PDB file of N, CA and C in Angstrom:
ATOM      1  N   ASP A   1       4.662  21.907  43.164  1.00  0.00           N
ATOM      2  CA  ASP A   1       3.254  21.266  44.062  1.00  0.00           C
ATOM      3  C   ASP A   1       3.822  20.500  44.938  1.00  0.00           C
ATOM      4  N   VAL A   2       3.101  19.817  45.366  1.00  0.00           N
ATOM      5  CA  VAL A   2       3.459  19.284  46.903  1.00  0.00           C
ATOM      6  C   VAL A   2       3.446  18.031  46.308  1.00  0.00           C
ATOM      7  N   THR A   3       3.388  16.816  45.366  1.00  0.00           N
ATOM      8  CA  THR A   3       3.051  15.955  44.894  1.00  0.00           C
ATOM      9  C   THR A   3       4.689  15.808  44.534  1.00  0.00           C
ATOM     10  N   GLU A   4       5.180  16.705  43.414  1.00  0.00           N
ATOM     11  CA  GLU A   4       6.431  16.797  43.278  1.00  0.00           C
ATOM     12  C   GLU A   4       7.287  16.799  44.270  1.00  0.00           C
ATOM     13  N   THR A   5       7.297  17.699  44.995  1.00  0.00           N
ATOM     14  CA  THR A   5       8.008  17.312  46.307  1.00  0.00           C
ATOM     15  C   THR A   5       8.090  16.140  46.729  1.00  0.00           C
ATOM     16  N   ILE A   6       7.191  15.645  46.957  1.00  0.00           N
ATOM     17  CA  ILE A   6       7.344  14.176  48.033  1.00  0.00           C
ATOM     18  C   ILE A   6       7.630  13.137  46.482  1.00  0.00           C
ATOM     19  N   ALA A   7       7.185  13.463  44.872  1.00  0.00           N
ATOM     20  CA  ALA A   7       7.648  12.461  44.352  1.00  0.00           C
ATOM     21  C   ALA A   7       8.173  12.185  43.178  1.00  0.00           C
ATOM     22  N   GLY A   8       9.331  13.919  43.585  1.00  0.00           N
ATOM     23  CA  GLY A   8       9.865  14.166  42.593  1.00  0.00           C
ATOM     24  C   GLY A   8       9.520  14.651  40.674  1.00  0.00           C
ATOM     25  N   ASN A   9      10.263  15.422  40.206  1.00  0.00           N
ATOM     26  CA  ASN A   9       9.925  15.217  39.170  1.00  0.00           C
ATOM     27  C   ASN A   9       8.725  14.780  38.348  1.00  0.00           C
ATOM     28  N   LEU A  10       7.782  14.931  37.899  1.00  0.00           N
ATOM     29  CA  LEU A  10       6.930  14.057  37.183  1.00  0.00           C
ATOM     30  C   LEU A  10       7.259  14.400  36.063  1.00  0.00           C
ATOM     31  N   PRO A  11       6.726  13.055  34.915  1.00  0.00           N
ATOM     32  CA  PRO A  11       6.800  13.289  33.089  1.00  0.00           C
ATOM     33  C   PRO A  11       5.558  14.355  33.325  1.00  0.00           C
ATOM     34  N   ASN A  12       5.376  14.898  32.121  1.00  0.00           N
ATOM     35  CA  ASN A  12       3.827  15.747  32.334  1.00  0.00           C
ATOM     36  C   ASN A  12       3.430  14.530  31.128  1.00  0.00           C
ATOM     37  N   GLU A  13       1.694  15.080  30.289  1.00  0.00           N
ATOM     38  CA  GLU A  13       1.110  14.111  29.862  1.00  0.00           C
ATOM     39  C   GLU A  13       1.393  13.359  29.082  1.00  0.00           C
ATOM     40  N   VAL A  14       2.239  13.997  28.221  1.00  0.00           N
ATOM     41  CA  VAL A  14       3.010  13.184  27.036  1.00  0.00           C
ATOM     42  C   VAL A  14       4.530  13.400  26.892  1.00  0.00           C
ATOM     43  N   GLU A  15       5.486  13.131  27.491  1.00  0.00           N
ATOM     44  CA  GLU A  15       7.169  13.451  27.300  1.00  0.00           C
ATOM     45  C   GLU A  15       7.840  13.149  25.810  1.00  0.00           C
ATOM     46  N   GLU A  16       7.915  14.174  25.355  1.00  0.00           N
ATOM     47  CA  GLU A  16       8.541  13.756  23.673  1.00  0.00           C
ATOM     48  C   GLU A  16       9.544  13.243  24.690  1.00  0.00           C
ATOM     49  N   ILE A  17      10.369  11.813  23.209  1.00  0.00           N
ATOM     50  CA  ILE A  17      11.673  10.828  23.964  1.00  0.00           C
ATOM     51  C   ILE A  17      12.035  11.497  22.866  1.00  0.00           C
ATOM     52  N   ASP A  18      12.274  11.249  21.739  1.00  0.00           N
ATOM     53  CA  ASP A  18      13.060  11.166  20.539  1.00  0.00           C
ATOM     54  C   ASP A  18      12.369  11.626  19.319  1.00  0.00           C
ATOM     55  N   ALA A  19      12.742  13.765  19.455  1.00  0.00           N
ATOM     56  CA  ALA A  19      12.526  13.737  18.238  1.00  0.00           C
ATOM     57  C   ALA A  19      12.918  13.740  16.834  1.00  0.00           C
ATOM     58  N   ARG A  20      13.902  13.553  16.999  1.00  0.00           N
ATOM     59  CA  ARG A  20      14.244  12.948  15.534  1.00  0.00           C
ATOM     60  C   ARG A  20      13.309  12.386  15.000  1.00  0.00           C
ATOM     61  N   HIS A  21      12.951  11.257  15.737  1.00  0.00           N
ATOM     62  CA  HIS A  21      11.347  10.114  15.221  1.00  0.00           C
ATOM     63  C   HIS A  21      10.100  10.343  15.425  1.00  0.00           C
ATOM     64  N   ASP A  22      10.152  11.663  16.116  1.00  0.00           N
ATOM     65  CA  ASP A  22       9.024  11.837  16.902  1.00  0.00           C
ATOM     66  C   ASP A  22       8.552  10.574  17.627  1.00  0.00           C
ATOM     67  N   ILE A  23       8.546  10.334  18.362  1.00  0.00           N
ATOM     68  CA  ILE A  23       8.006   9.133  19.602  1.00  0.00           C
ATOM     69  C   ILE A  23       8.085   9.751  20.208  1.00  0.00           C
ATOM     70  N   GLN A  24       6.679   9.300  21.309  1.00  0.00           N
ATOM     71  CA  GLN A  24       6.052   9.885  22.741  1.00  0.00           C
ATOM     72  C   GLN A  24       5.682   8.745  23.443  1.00  0.00           C
ATOM     73  N   LYS A  25       6.284   8.793  24.535  1.00  0.00           N
ATOM     74  CA  LYS A  25       5.482   7.926  25.338  1.00  0.00           C
ATOM     75  C   LYS A  25       4.062   8.898  25.928  1.00  0.00           C
ATOM     76  N   ASN A  26       3.092   8.601  26.246  1.00  0.00           N
ATOM     77  CA  ASN A  26       1.720   8.697  26.682  1.00  0.00           C
ATOM     78  C   ASN A  26       1.437   8.397  27.791  1.00  0.00           C
ATOM     79  N   ALA A  27       0.949   9.295  28.676  1.00  0.00           N
ATOM     80  CA  ALA A  27       1.009   9.511  29.829  1.00  0.00           C
ATOM     81  C   ALA A  27      -0.023   7.884  30.509  1.00  0.00           C
ATOM     82  N   ASP A  28      -0.900   7.074  29.180  1.00  0.00           N
ATOM     83  CA  ASP A  28      -1.293   6.160  29.681  1.00  0.00           C
ATOM     84  C   ASP A  28      -0.883   4.646  29.027  1.00  0.00           C
ATOM     85  N   GLY A  29       0.534   4.962  29.502  1.00  0.00           N
ATOM     86  CA  GLY A  29       1.370   3.863  29.152  1.00  0.00           C
ATOM     87  C   GLY A  29       1.450   3.228  27.305  1.00  0.00           C
ATOM     88  N   SER A  30       0.824   4.136  26.588  1.00  0.00           N
ATOM     89  CA  SER A  30       1.169   3.971  25.217  1.00  0.00           C
ATOM     90  C   SER A  30       2.089   4.826  25.244  1.00  0.00           C
ATOM     91  N   TRP A  31       2.968   4.416  23.286  1.00  0.00           N
ATOM     92  CA  TRP A  31       3.715   5.032  22.836  1.00  0.00           C
ATOM     93  C   TRP A  31       2.897   5.699  21.413  1.00  0.00           C
ATOM     94  N   THR A  32       3.077   7.136  20.985  1.00  0.00           N
ATOM     95  CA  THR A  32       2.789   7.318  19.495  1.00  0.00           C
ATOM     96  C   THR A  32       4.321   7.747  18.873  1.00  0.00           C
ATOM     97  N   ALA A  33       4.347   6.989  17.560  1.00  0.00           N
ATOM     98  CA  ALA A  33       5.522   7.364  16.956  1.00  0.00           C
ATOM     99  C   ALA A  33       5.219   7.229  14.819  1.00  0.00           C
ATOM    100  N   ASN A  34       5.702   7.938  14.753  1.00  0.00           N
ATOM    101  CA  ASN A  34       5.562   8.651  13.036  1.00  0.00           C
ATOM    102  C   ASN A  34       5.895   7.383  12.169  1.00  0.00           C
ATOM    103  N   GLY A  35       5.225   7.143  11.536  1.00  0.00           N
ATOM    104  CA  GLY A  35       5.478   5.626  10.737  1.00  0.00           C
ATOM    105  C   GLY A  35       6.700   5.296   9.817  1.00  0.00           C
ATOM    106  N   HIS A  36       7.196   6.328   9.615  1.00  0.00           N
ATOM    107  CA  HIS A  36       8.150   6.314   8.799  1.00  0.00           C
ATOM    108  C   HIS A  36       9.623   5.956   9.912  1.00  0.00           C
ATOM    109  N   MET A  37       9.520   6.029  11.478  1.00  0.00           N
ATOM    110  CA  MET A  37      10.135   5.286  12.037  1.00  0.00           C
ATOM    111  C   MET A  37      10.856   3.488  12.251  1.00  0.00           C
ATOM    112  N   PRO A  38      12.764   3.893  11.770  1.00  0.00           N
ATOM    113  CA  PRO A  38      13.240   2.873  11.435  1.00  0.00           C
ATOM    114  C   PRO A  38      12.889   2.027  12.784  1.00  0.00           C
ATOM    115  N   LEU A  39      12.212   0.408  12.452  1.00  0.00           N
ATOM    116  CA  LEU A  39      12.333  -0.649  13.632  1.00  0.00           C
ATOM    117  C   LEU A  39      13.391  -0.864  14.699  1.00  0.00           C
ATOM    118  N   GLU A  40      14.345  -0.318  13.839  1.00  0.00           N
ATOM    119  CA  GLU A  40      15.968  -1.161  14.646  1.00  0.00           C
ATOM    120  C   GLU A  40      16.119   0.065  15.618  1.00  0.00           C
ATOM    121  N   ASP A  41      15.104   1.940  15.600  1.00  0.00           N
ATOM    122  CA  ASP A  41      15.472   2.553  16.859  1.00  0.00           C
ATOM    123  C   ASP A  41      14.225   2.337  17.711  1.00  0.00           C
ATOM    124  N   LEU A  42      12.845   1.957  16.928  1.00  0.00           N
ATOM    125  CA  LEU A  42      11.854   1.822  17.413  1.00  0.00           C
ATOM    126  C   LEU A  42      11.999   0.427  18.399  1.00  0.00           C
ATOM    127  N   VAL A  43      12.711  -0.624  18.193  1.00  0.00           N
ATOM    128  CA  VAL A  43      13.161  -1.276  19.162  1.00  0.00           C
ATOM    129  C   VAL A  43      14.022  -0.686  20.913  1.00  0.00           C
ATOM    130  N   GLN A  44      14.262   0.037  20.871  1.00  0.00           N
ATOM    131  CA  GLN A  44      15.035   0.743  21.453  1.00  0.00           C
ATOM    132  C   GLN A  44      14.259   1.737  22.522  1.00  0.00           C
ATOM    133  N   TYR A  45      13.068   1.844  22.374  1.00  0.00           N
ATOM    134  CA  TYR A  45      11.903   2.028  23.088  1.00  0.00           C
ATOM    135  C   TYR A  45      10.703   0.979  23.652  1.00  0.00           C
ATOM    136  N   VAL A  46      10.404   0.089  22.501  1.00  0.00           N
ATOM    137  CA  VAL A  46       9.098  -0.673  22.532  1.00  0.00           C
ATOM    138  C   VAL A  46      10.326  -2.176  22.166  1.00  0.00           C
ATOM    139  N   PRO A  47      10.205  -3.495  22.934  1.00  0.00           N
ATOM    140  CA  PRO A  47      10.875  -4.566  22.454  1.00  0.00           C
ATOM    141  C   PRO A  47       9.563  -5.356  21.575  1.00  0.00           C
ATOM    142  N   LEU A  48       9.596  -4.539  19.962  1.00  0.00           N
ATOM    143  CA  LEU A  48       8.509  -5.335  19.466  1.00  0.00           C
ATOM    144  C   LEU A  48       9.464  -7.019  18.807  1.00  0.00           C
ATOM    145  N   PRO A  49       8.907  -8.295  18.614  1.00  0.00           N
ATOM    146  CA  PRO A  49       9.728  -9.303  18.191  1.00  0.00           C
ATOM    147  C   PRO A  49      10.063  -9.010  16.672  1.00  0.00           C
ATOM    148  N   LEU A  50      10.855  -8.941  16.502  1.00  0.00           N
ATOM    149  CA  LEU A  50      10.898  -8.719  14.893  1.00  0.00           C
ATOM    150  C   LEU A  50      11.947 -10.012  13.790  1.00  0.00           C
ATOM    151  N   ASP A  51      11.089 -10.246  12.696  1.00  0.00           N
ATOM    152  CA  ASP A  51      11.996 -11.854  12.300  1.00  0.00           C
ATOM    153  C   ASP A  51      13.456 -10.941  11.961  1.00  0.00           C
ATOM    154  N   GLU A  52      14.622 -11.621  11.774  1.00  0.00           N
ATOM    155  CA  GLU A  52      15.657 -11.208  11.443  1.00  0.00           C
ATOM    156  C   GLU A  52      16.199 -10.825   9.901  1.00  0.00           C
ATOM    157  N   LYS A  53      14.823 -12.109   9.053  1.00  0.00           N
ATOM    158  CA  LYS A  53      15.137 -12.043   7.827  1.00  0.00           C
ATOM    159  C   LYS A  53      13.898 -11.309   7.491  1.00  0.00           C
ATOM    160  N   ARG A  54      13.794  -9.913   6.845  1.00  0.00           N
ATOM    161  CA  ARG A  54      12.310  -8.559   6.962  1.00  0.00           C
ATOM    162  C   ARG A  54      12.804  -8.132   5.356  1.00  0.00           C
ATOM    163  N   GLU A  55      11.666  -8.082   4.930  1.00  0.00           N
ATOM    164  CA  GLU A  55      11.555  -7.197   3.558  1.00  0.00           C
ATOM    165  C   GLU A  55      10.893  -5.984   4.246  1.00  0.00           C
ATOM    166  N   TYR A  56      10.791  -5.374   4.956  1.00  0.00           N
ATOM    167  CA  TYR A  56      10.204  -4.248   5.646  1.00  0.00           C
ATOM    168  C   TYR A  56      11.321  -3.412   6.682  1.00  0.00           C
ATOM    169  N   HIS A  57      11.682  -2.220   6.755  1.00  0.00           N
ATOM    170  CA  HIS A  57      12.451  -2.010   7.748  1.00  0.00           C
ATOM    171  C   HIS A  57      11.539  -0.609   9.192  1.00  0.00           C
ATOM    172  N   THR A  58      10.157  -0.074   8.354  1.00  0.00           N
ATOM    173  CA  THR A  58       9.577   0.817   9.191  1.00  0.00           C
ATOM    174  C   THR A  58       8.304   0.010   9.764  1.00  0.00           C
ATOM    175  N   ILE A  59       7.738   1.101  10.985  1.00  0.00           N
ATOM    176  CA  ILE A  59       6.509   0.928  11.669  1.00  0.00           C
ATOM    177  C   ILE A  59       5.639   0.329  10.101  1.00  0.00           C
ATOM    178  N   ALA A  60       5.529   1.713   9.505  1.00  0.00           N
ATOM    179  CA  ALA A  60       4.561   1.409   8.308  1.00  0.00           C
ATOM    180  C   ALA A  60       5.161  -0.007   7.884  1.00  0.00           C
ATOM    181  N   GLY A  61       5.953  -0.125   7.289  1.00  0.00           N
ATOM    182  CA  GLY A  61       6.338  -1.515   6.330  1.00  0.00           C
ATOM    183  C   GLY A  61       6.356  -2.487   7.056  1.00  0.00           C
ATOM    184  N   LEU A  62       6.123  -2.508   8.707  1.00  0.00           N
ATOM    185  CA  LEU A  62       5.447  -3.647   9.699  1.00  0.00           C
ATOM    186  C   LEU A  62       4.742  -4.046   9.247  1.00  0.00           C
ATOM    187  N   LEU A  63       3.184  -2.495   9.365  1.00  0.00           N
ATOM    188  CA  LEU A  63       1.954  -3.130   9.240  1.00  0.00           C
ATOM    189  C   LEU A  63       1.392  -3.711   8.089  1.00  0.00           C
ATOM    190  N   MET A  64       2.325  -2.549   6.990  1.00  0.00           N
ATOM    191  CA  MET A  64       2.126  -3.597   5.633  1.00  0.00           C
ATOM    192  C   MET A  64       1.935  -4.857   5.067  1.00  0.00           C
ATOM    193  N   GLU A  65       3.241  -4.987   5.751  1.00  0.00           N
ATOM    194  CA  GLU A  65       3.537  -6.777   5.803  1.00  0.00           C
ATOM    195  C   GLU A  65       2.686  -7.415   6.364  1.00  0.00           C
ATOM    196  N   TYR A  66       2.042  -6.980   7.831  1.00  0.00           N
ATOM    197  CA  TYR A  66       0.933  -7.693   8.459  1.00  0.00           C
ATOM    198  C   TYR A  66      -0.476  -8.122   7.986  1.00  0.00           C
ATOM    199  N   LEU A  67      -0.542  -6.610   7.343  1.00  0.00           N
ATOM    200  CA  LEU A  67      -2.156  -6.628   6.763  1.00  0.00           C
ATOM    201  C   LEU A  67      -1.818  -7.041   5.197  1.00  0.00           C
ATOM    202  N   GLN A  68      -0.689  -6.756   4.528  1.00  0.00           N
ATOM    203  CA  GLN A  68      -0.977  -7.304   2.876  1.00  0.00           C
ATOM    204  C   GLN A  68      -1.151  -6.019   2.631  1.00  0.00           C
ATOM    205  N   ARG A  69      -1.101  -5.047   2.809  1.00  0.00           N
ATOM    206  CA  ARG A  69      -2.378  -3.748   2.051  1.00  0.00           C
ATOM    207  C   ARG A  69      -1.452  -2.264   2.943  1.00  0.00           C
ATOM    208  N   ILE A  70      -2.184  -1.407   2.558  1.00  0.00           N
ATOM    209  CA  ILE A  70      -1.902   0.233   2.968  1.00  0.00           C
ATOM    210  C   ILE A  70      -2.862  -0.400   4.535  1.00  0.00           C
ATOM    211  N   PRO A  71      -2.456   0.140   5.138  1.00  0.00           N
ATOM    212  CA  PRO A  71      -3.451   0.516   6.612  1.00  0.00           C
ATOM    213  C   PRO A  71      -4.458   1.424   6.260  1.00  0.00           C
ATOM    214  N   LYS A  72      -6.004   1.296   6.987  1.00  0.00           N
ATOM    215  CA  LYS A  72      -6.652   1.980   7.306  1.00  0.00           C
ATOM    216  C   LYS A  72      -6.532   2.753   9.024  1.00  0.00           C
ATOM    217  N   PRO A  73      -7.096   4.229   8.792  1.00  0.00           N
ATOM    218  CA  PRO A  73      -6.906   4.862   9.993  1.00  0.00           C
ATOM    219  C   PRO A  73      -7.571   3.904  11.074  1.00  0.00           C
ATOM    220  N   GLY A  74      -7.466   3.968  12.014  1.00  0.00           N
ATOM    221  CA  GLY A  74      -7.782   2.935  13.099  1.00  0.00           C
ATOM    222  C   GLY A  74      -7.611   1.308  13.416  1.00  0.00           C
ATOM    223  N   GLU A  75      -7.288   1.162  12.166  1.00  0.00           N
ATOM    224  CA  GLU A  75      -6.973  -0.671  11.900  1.00  0.00           C
ATOM    225  C   GLU A  75      -5.894  -1.086  12.863  1.00  0.00           C
ATOM    226  N   GLU A  76      -5.938  -2.097  13.400  1.00  0.00           N
ATOM    227  CA  GLU A  76      -4.957  -2.750  14.443  1.00  0.00           C
ATOM    228  C   GLU A  76      -4.208  -4.016  13.771  1.00  0.00           C
ATOM    229  N   VAL A  77      -3.187  -4.178  14.579  1.00  0.00           N
ATOM    230  CA  VAL A  77      -2.040  -5.541  14.467  1.00  0.00           C
ATOM    231  C   VAL A  77      -1.697  -5.795  15.337  1.00  0.00           C
ATOM    232  N   GLN A  78      -1.699  -7.095  16.205  1.00  0.00           N
ATOM    233  CA  GLN A  78      -1.042  -7.262  17.363  1.00  0.00           C
ATOM    234  C   GLN A  78       0.319  -7.514  17.129  1.00  0.00           C
ATOM    235  N   VAL A  79       1.029  -7.095  17.925  1.00  0.00           N
ATOM    236  CA  VAL A  79       2.723  -7.636  17.483  1.00  0.00           C
ATOM    237  C   VAL A  79       3.128  -8.588  18.638  1.00  0.00           C
ATOM    238  N   GLY A  80       3.393  -9.625  19.027  1.00  0.00           N
ATOM    239  CA  GLY A  80       4.142  -9.879  20.196  1.00  0.00           C
ATOM    240  C   GLY A  80       3.436  -9.156  21.279  1.00  0.00           C
ATOM    241  N   ASP A  81       3.522  -8.104  22.509  1.00  0.00           N
ATOM    242  CA  ASP A  81       2.796  -8.396  23.392  1.00  0.00           C
ATOM    243  C   ASP A  81       2.096  -6.835  23.444  1.00  0.00           C
ATOM    244  N   TYR A  82       2.422  -6.527  21.970  1.00  0.00           N
ATOM    245  CA  TYR A  82       1.806  -5.049  21.635  1.00  0.00           C
ATOM    246  C   TYR A  82       0.633  -5.032  20.823  1.00  0.00           C
ATOM    247  N   LEU A  83       0.036  -4.012  20.759  1.00  0.00           N
ATOM    248  CA  LEU A  83      -1.200  -3.690  19.749  1.00  0.00           C
ATOM    249  C   LEU A  83      -0.540  -2.250  18.765  1.00  0.00           C
ATOM    250  N   LEU A  84      -0.067  -2.740  17.598  1.00  0.00           N
ATOM    251  CA  LEU A  84      -0.145  -1.564  17.199  1.00  0.00           C
ATOM    252  C   LEU A  84      -1.363  -0.933  16.178  1.00  0.00           C
ATOM    253  N   LYS A  85      -1.527  -0.002  16.775  1.00  0.00           N
ATOM    254  CA  LYS A  85      -3.455   0.817  15.922  1.00  0.00           C
ATOM    255  C   LYS A  85      -2.691   1.917  15.178  1.00  0.00           C
ATOM    256  N   THR A  86      -3.395   2.258  13.716  1.00  0.00           N
ATOM    257  CA  THR A  86      -2.900   3.273  12.733  1.00  0.00           C
ATOM    258  C   THR A  86      -3.622   4.746  12.588  1.00  0.00           C
ATOM    259  N   LEU A  87      -3.138   5.220  13.338  1.00  0.00           N
ATOM    260  CA  LEU A  87      -3.784   6.570  14.026  1.00  0.00           C
ATOM    261  C   LEU A  87      -3.890   7.454  12.958  1.00  0.00           C
ATOM    262  N   GLN A  88      -2.963   7.948  11.840  1.00  0.00           N
ATOM    263  CA  GLN A  88      -3.016   8.783  10.617  1.00  0.00           C
ATOM    264  C   GLN A  88      -2.426   8.308   9.116  1.00  0.00           C
ATOM    265  N   VAL A  89      -2.963   8.304   8.507  1.00  0.00           N
ATOM    266  CA  VAL A  89      -2.717   7.842   6.959  1.00  0.00           C
ATOM    267  C   VAL A  89      -2.800   9.037   5.887  1.00  0.00           C
ATOM    268  N   GLU A  90      -1.895   9.331   5.463  1.00  0.00           N
ATOM    269  CA  GLU A  90      -2.259  10.637   4.210  1.00  0.00           C
ATOM    270  C   GLU A  90      -1.470  10.159   2.637  1.00  0.00           C
ATOM    271  N   SER A  91      -2.284  10.082   2.346  1.00  0.00           N
ATOM    272  CA  SER A  91      -1.487   9.975   0.377  1.00  0.00           C
ATOM    273  C   SER A  91      -1.320   8.422   0.742  1.00  0.00           C
ATOM    274  N   HIS A  92      -1.611   7.679   0.805  1.00  0.00           N
ATOM    275  CA  HIS A  92      -1.363   6.069   1.070  1.00  0.00           C
ATOM    276  C   HIS A  92      -0.084   5.625   2.020  1.00  0.00           C
ATOM    277  N   ARG A  93       0.283   6.719   2.669  1.00  0.00           N
ATOM    278  CA  ARG A  93       1.671   6.775   3.469  1.00  0.00           C
ATOM    279  C   ARG A  93       0.884   6.327   5.152  1.00  0.00           C
ATOM    280  N   VAL A  94       1.500   5.959   5.953  1.00  0.00           N
ATOM    281  CA  VAL A  94       1.129   5.047   7.622  1.00  0.00           C
ATOM    282  C   VAL A  94       2.055   7.109   8.352  1.00  0.00           C
ATOM    283  N   GLN A  95       1.232   7.869   8.635  1.00  0.00           N
ATOM    284  CA  GLN A  95       2.225   8.722   9.633  1.00  0.00           C
ATOM    285  C   GLN A  95       2.089   8.990  11.087  1.00  0.00           C
ATOM    286  N   LYS A  96       0.910   8.093  11.526  1.00  0.00           N
ATOM    287  CA  LYS A  96       1.043   8.182  12.683  1.00  0.00           C
ATOM    288  C   LYS A  96       0.425   6.437  13.297  1.00  0.00           C
ATOM    289  N   VAL A  97       1.193   5.916  14.456  1.00  0.00           N
ATOM    290  CA  VAL A  97       0.707   4.640  14.662  1.00  0.00           C
ATOM    291  C   VAL A  97       1.057   4.985  16.452  1.00  0.00           C
ATOM    292  N   GLN A  98      -0.023   4.262  17.065  1.00  0.00           N
ATOM    293  CA  GLN A  98      -0.130   4.533  18.430  1.00  0.00           C
ATOM    294  C   GLN A  98       0.485   2.804  19.273  1.00  0.00           C
ATOM    295  N   ILE A  99       1.477   2.650  19.978  1.00  0.00           N
ATOM    296  CA  ILE A  99       1.992   1.343  20.072  1.00  0.00           C
ATOM    297  C   ILE A  99       1.151   0.767  21.906  1.00  0.00           C
ATOM    298  N   ILE A 100       0.202   0.310  22.095  1.00  0.00           N
ATOM    299  CA  ILE A 100      -0.396   0.083  22.870  1.00  0.00           C
ATOM    300  C   ILE A 100       0.634  -1.325  23.780  1.00  0.00           C
ATOM    301  N   PRO A 101       0.788  -1.451  25.305  1.00  0.00           N
ATOM    302  CA  PRO A 101       1.061  -2.858  25.257  1.00  0.00           C
ATOM    303  C   PRO A 101      -0.041  -3.631  26.215  1.00  0.00           C
ATOM    304  N   LEU A 102      -0.045  -4.775  25.824  1.00  0.00           N
ATOM    305  CA  LEU A 102      -1.234  -5.267  25.823  1.00  0.00           C
ATOM    306  C   LEU A 102      -1.056  -6.574  27.196  1.00  0.00           C
ATOM    307  N   ARG A 103      -1.363  -6.818  28.036  1.00  0.00           N
ATOM    308  CA  ARG A 103      -2.111  -7.473  29.162  1.00  0.00           C
ATOM    309  C   ARG A 103      -0.839  -9.564  28.521  1.00  0.00           C
ATOM    310  N   LYS A 104      -0.389 -10.206  29.582  1.00  0.00           N
ATOM    311  CA  LYS A 104      -0.114 -11.549  29.067  1.00  0.00           C
ATOM    312  C   LYS A 104      -1.753 -12.221  28.141  1.00  0.00           C
ATOM    313  N   ASP A 105      -2.304 -11.694  28.718  1.00  0.00           N
ATOM    314  CA  ASP A 105      -3.730 -12.772  28.609  1.00  0.00           C
ATOM    315  C   ASP A 105      -3.958 -12.047  27.134  1.00  0.00           C
ATOM    316  N   GLY A 106      -3.488 -11.089  25.993  1.00  0.00           N
ATOM    317  CA  GLY A 106      -4.016 -10.491  25.061  1.00  0.00           C
ATOM    318  C   GLY A 106      -4.243  -9.058  25.318  1.00  0.00           C
ATOM    319  N   GLU A 107      -5.302  -8.819  26.241  1.00  0.00           N
ATOM    320  CA  GLU A 107      -6.383  -7.591  26.649  1.00  0.00           C
ATOM    321  C   GLU A 107      -5.254  -6.308  27.017  1.00  0.00           C
ATOM    322  N   MET A 108      -5.910  -5.090  26.292  1.00  0.00           N
ATOM    323  CA  MET A 108      -4.854  -4.265  26.382  1.00  0.00           C
ATOM    324  C   MET A 108      -5.082  -3.864  28.033  1.00  0.00           C
ATOM    325  N   GLU A 109      -3.667  -3.434  28.366  1.00  0.00           N
ATOM    326  CA  GLU A 109      -3.641  -2.886  29.706  1.00  0.00           C
ATOM    327  C   GLU A 109      -4.735  -2.026  30.094  1.00  0.00           C
ATOM    328  N   TYR A 110      -5.385  -1.353  29.468  1.00  0.00           N
ATOM    329  CA  TYR A 110      -6.287   0.129  29.764  1.00  0.00           C
ATOM    330  C   TYR A 110      -7.180  -0.251  28.454  1.00  0.00           C
ATOM    331  N   GLU A 111      -8.428   1.321  28.917  1.00  0.00           N
ATOM    332  CA  GLU A 111      -9.241   1.357  27.902  1.00  0.00           C
ATOM    333  C   GLU A 111      -8.701   2.515  26.890  1.00  0.00           C
ATOM    334  N   VAL A 112      -8.485   2.203  25.543  1.00  0.00           N
ATOM    335  CA  VAL A 112      -8.166   3.308  24.440  1.00  0.00           C
ATOM    336  C   VAL A 112      -9.662   4.046  24.145  1.00  0.00           C
TER     337      VAL A 112
END
């Protein structure tokens, strides 16, 4: 199409980034990731501030540490300049998390 001729190949609305961990960058600038994704892998895509000495190693563990319990779908936690929103929980396990970049004033960059 004409736009791609001018601008080059445009990413699909949802672009698979790493199938091994099932992290996707969404068209709105947010990310969707599996709750079991290791934080060491996540920070390659999303620069979350992490404590050096921590007892959790996954996105789900990070959410549980902040909330001090298993999150419910729709619950949100702010970590640095990002809002982590629990999308899916099954059998007390966080399955999917949306990672939303925040503006410097703490507001979302877009409407969810």
